Amino acid sequence: MGKKKKQIKVTERVSGAKRPNHIEKPGGFLSAFPVWGLKKADNGGSWDLFEADNLGEILKKLANFEKMTWAEIQRQTHDDNRSSSHYISVDKLSKAAQSRFCELKLDEFSDNIFSLR
């Protein structure tokens, strides 16, 4: 007795090309404007944002940053021509800041933070 050839019935045709639903350029965030959320703000530690003596000054600065793109923020420089606002590796922070970063469970998001001058 011979074996019968199995025939596969195609019920659906699939195109060979994959197309993304949303296209974003690498570094595309540089043309975006920052938006602030406070749900992860330090509230209760020694860096409590809401107890800061200069909270008004901080809020004004954040409002000014919202008018700039991330690229513009990164282009701002010090007198020595270095970037005023830049990424910092968490392991470069003080031990107390690293500890608080972990305590607030922010370490699950990134190994770097962005420092705004």
C-alpha atoms as a PDB file:
ATOM      1  CA  MET A   1       0.000   0.000   0.000  1.00  0.00           C
ATOM      2  CA  GLY A   2       1.390   3.380  -0.952  1.00  0.00           C
ATOM      3  CA  LYS A   3       1.308   6.534   1.128  1.00  0.00           C
ATOM      4  CA  LYS A   4      -1.098   9.243   0.104  1.00  0.00           C
ATOM      5  CA  LYS A   5       0.303  12.719  -0.330  1.00  0.00           C
ATOM      6  CA  LYS A   6      -1.197  15.101   2.179  1.00  0.00           C
ATOM      7  CA  GLN A   7      -2.521  18.275   0.722  1.00  0.00           C
ATOM      8  CA  ILE A   8      -2.641  21.413   2.836  1.00  0.00           C
ATOM      9  CA  LYS A   9      -5.592  23.631   2.155  1.00  0.00           C
ATOM     10  CA  VAL A  10      -4.719  27.325   2.321  1.00  0.00           C
ATOM     11  CA  THR A  11      -7.608  29.280   3.753  1.00  0.00           C
ATOM     12  CA  GLU A  12      -5.827  32.608   4.197  1.00  0.00           C
ATOM     13  CA  ARG A  13      -3.193  34.424   2.193  1.00  0.00           C
ATOM     14  CA  VAL A  14      -0.525  36.258   4.176  1.00  0.00           C
ATOM     15  CA  SER A  15       1.530  38.995   2.616  1.00  0.00           C
ATOM     16  CA  GLY A  16       5.263  38.576   2.983  1.00  0.00           C
ATOM     17  CA  ALA A  17       5.897  42.154   4.089  1.00  0.00           C
ATOM     18  CA  LYS A  18       5.452  43.264   7.690  1.00  0.00           C
ATOM     19  CA  ARG A  19       4.390  46.845   8.200  1.00  0.00           C
ATOM     20  CA  PRO A  20       4.623  48.645  11.551  1.00  0.00           C
ATOM     21  CA  ASN A  21       1.449  50.209  12.885  1.00  0.00           C
ATOM     22  CA  HIS A  22       3.373  53.180  14.240  1.00  0.00           C
ATOM     23  CA  ILE A  23       6.571  54.532  12.755  1.00  0.00           C
ATOM     24  CA  GLU A  24       8.924  56.514  14.959  1.00  0.00           C
ATOM     25  CA  LYS A  25      12.418  57.589  14.070  1.00  0.00           C
ATOM     26  CA  PRO A  26      15.200  56.658  16.485  1.00  0.00           C
ATOM     27  CA  GLY A  27      15.881  59.788  18.485  1.00  0.00           C
ATOM     28  CA  GLY A  28      12.488  61.103  17.409  1.00  0.00           C
ATOM     29  CA  PHE A  29      11.816  62.153  20.986  1.00  0.00           C
ATOM     30  CA  LEU A  30      14.353  64.954  20.491  1.00  0.00           C
ATOM     31  CA  SER A  31      11.740  66.927  18.555  1.00  0.00           C
ATOM     32  CA  ALA A  32       9.105  66.359  21.268  1.00  0.00           C
ATOM     33  CA  PHE A  33       8.319  68.694  24.143  1.00  0.00           C
ATOM     34  CA  PRO A  34       8.646  67.369  27.712  1.00  0.00           C
ATOM     35  CA  VAL A  35       5.559  66.704  29.788  1.00  0.00           C
ATOM     36  CA  TRP A  36       5.811  66.260  33.543  1.00  0.00           C
ATOM     37  CA  GLY A  37       4.052  63.736  35.735  1.00  0.00           C
ATOM     38  CA  LEU A  38       4.360  63.747  39.517  1.00  0.00           C
ATOM     39  CA  LYS A  39       3.127  60.302  40.490  1.00  0.00           C
ATOM     40  CA  LYS A  40       6.743  59.099  40.897  1.00  0.00           C
ATOM     41  CA  ALA A  41       7.985  62.308  42.549  1.00  0.00           C
ATOM     42  CA  ASP A  42       9.870  61.843  45.813  1.00  0.00           C
ATOM     43  CA  ASN A  43       7.315  62.588  48.513  1.00  0.00           C
ATOM     44  CA  GLY A  44       8.492  62.026  52.046  1.00  0.00           C
ATOM     45  CA  GLY A  45      12.237  61.495  51.731  1.00  0.00           C
ATOM     46  CA  SER A  46      15.003  63.990  52.298  1.00  0.00           C
ATOM     47  CA  TRP A  47      14.518  65.161  48.677  1.00  0.00           C
ATOM     48  CA  ASP A  48      10.750  65.642  49.073  1.00  0.00           C
ATOM     49  CA  LEU A  49       9.752  67.787  46.110  1.00  0.00           C
ATOM     50  CA  PHE A  50       6.678  69.185  47.849  1.00  0.00           C
ATOM     51  CA  GLU A  51       8.656  70.349  50.894  1.00  0.00           C
ATOM     52  CA  ALA A  52      11.387  72.063  48.858  1.00  0.00           C
ATOM     53  CA  ASP A  53      12.070  75.640  49.916  1.00  0.00           C
ATOM     54  CA  ASN A  54      12.459  76.589  46.252  1.00  0.00           C
ATOM     55  CA  LEU A  55       9.374  74.759  44.900  1.00  0.00           C
ATOM     56  CA  GLY A  56       8.141  77.864  43.077  1.00  0.00           C
ATOM     57  CA  GLU A  57      11.498  78.243  41.350  1.00  0.00           C
ATOM     58  CA  ILE A  58      11.476  74.542  40.380  1.00  0.00           C
ATOM     59  CA  LEU A  59       7.961  74.809  38.904  1.00  0.00           C
ATOM     60  CA  LYS A  60       8.898  77.930  36.887  1.00  0.00           C
ATOM     61  CA  LYS A  61      11.946  76.133  35.509  1.00  0.00           C
ATOM     62  CA  LEU A  62       9.858  73.083  34.540  1.00  0.00           C
ATOM     63  CA  ALA A  63       7.295  75.366  32.853  1.00  0.00           C
ATOM     64  CA  ASN A  64      10.111  76.969  30.830  1.00  0.00           C
ATOM     65  CA  PHE A  65      11.446  73.535  29.810  1.00  0.00           C
ATOM     66  CA  GLU A  66       7.970  72.620  28.485  1.00  0.00           C
ATOM     67  CA  LYS A  67       8.387  75.366  25.848  1.00  0.00           C
ATOM     68  CA  MET A  68      11.550  73.689  24.522  1.00  0.00           C
ATOM     69  CA  THR A  69      12.153  70.438  22.655  1.00  0.00           C
ATOM     70  CA  TRP A  70      14.421  67.808  24.179  1.00  0.00           C
ATOM     71  CA  ALA A  71      17.037  68.694  21.548  1.00  0.00           C
ATOM     72  CA  GLU A  72      16.952  72.353  22.605  1.00  0.00           C
ATOM     73  CA  ILE A  73      17.262  71.365  26.262  1.00  0.00           C
ATOM     74  CA  GLN A  74      20.276  69.176  25.503  1.00  0.00           C
ATOM     75  CA  ARG A  75      21.932  71.941  23.450  1.00  0.00           C
ATOM     76  CA  GLN A  76      22.020  74.369  26.376  1.00  0.00           C
ATOM     77  CA  THR A  77      25.578  74.660  27.656  1.00  0.00           C
ATOM     78  CA  HIS A  78      27.624  75.857  30.650  1.00  0.00           C
ATOM     79  CA  ASP A  79      30.297  78.500  30.425  1.00  0.00           C
ATOM     80  CA  ASP A  80      32.800  75.712  29.681  1.00  0.00           C
ATOM     81  CA  ASN A  81      30.676  74.664  26.652  1.00  0.00           C
ATOM     82  CA  ARG A  82      29.456  71.407  28.225  1.00  0.00           C
ATOM     83  CA  SER A  83      25.800  70.407  28.215  1.00  0.00           C
ATOM     84  CA  SER A  84      23.835  71.853  31.131  1.00  0.00           C
ATOM     85  CA  SER A  85      21.222  69.078  31.031  1.00  0.00           C
ATOM     86  CA  HIS A  86      22.328  65.524  30.341  1.00  0.00           C
ATOM     87  CA  TYR A  87      22.018  61.853  31.229  1.00  0.00           C
ATOM     88  CA  ILE A  88      23.723  60.625  34.386  1.00  0.00           C
ATOM     89  CA  SER A  89      24.325  56.997  35.232  1.00  0.00           C
ATOM     90  CA  VAL A  90      22.603  56.104  38.507  1.00  0.00           C
ATOM     91  CA  ASP A  91      25.835  54.584  39.785  1.00  0.00           C
ATOM     92  CA  LYS A  92      27.411  58.079  39.589  1.00  0.00           C
ATOM     93  CA  LEU A  93      24.902  59.441  42.143  1.00  0.00           C
ATOM     94  CA  SER A  94      25.681  59.638  45.862  1.00  0.00           C
ATOM     95  CA  LYS A  95      25.037  56.423  47.806  1.00  0.00           C
ATOM     96  CA  ALA A  96      22.073  58.073  49.556  1.00  0.00           C
ATOM     97  CA  ALA A  97      20.535  59.093  46.210  1.00  0.00           C
ATOM     98  CA  GLN A  98      21.101  55.592  44.771  1.00  0.00           C
ATOM     99  CA  SER A  99      19.434  54.069  47.804  1.00  0.00           C
ATOM    100  CA  ARG A 100      16.429  56.399  47.507  1.00  0.00           C
ATOM    101  CA  PHE A 101      16.210  55.684  43.766  1.00  0.00           C
ATOM    102  CA  CYS A 102      15.883  51.954  44.533  1.00  0.00           C
ATOM    103  CA  GLU A 103      13.565  52.556  47.491  1.00  0.00           C
ATOM    104  CA  LEU A 104      11.156  54.416  45.188  1.00  0.00           C
ATOM    105  CA  LYS A 105      11.448  51.492  42.718  1.00  0.00           C
ATOM    106  CA  LEU A 106      12.680  53.802  39.972  1.00  0.00           C
ATOM    107  CA  ASP A 107      15.524  51.428  39.132  1.00  0.00           C
ATOM    108  CA  GLU A 108      13.104  49.214  37.198  1.00  0.00           C
ATOM    109  CA  PHE A 109      12.742  51.971  34.578  1.00  0.00           C
ATOM    110  CA  SER A 110      16.331  52.899  33.787  1.00  0.00           C
ATOM    111  CA  ASP A 111      19.997  52.787  34.700  1.00  0.00           C
ATOM    112  CA  ASN A 112      20.255  56.479  33.772  1.00  0.00           C
ATOM    113  CA  ILE A 113      18.452  59.616  34.810  1.00  0.00           C
ATOM    114  CA  PHE A 114      18.265  62.914  32.989  1.00  0.00           C
ATOM    115  CA  SER A 115      19.625  65.859  34.928  1.00  0.00           C
ATOM    116  CA  LEU A 116      17.987  69.206  34.210  1.00  0.00           C
ATOM    117  CA  ARG A 117      19.979  72.284  35.151  1.00  0.00           C
END
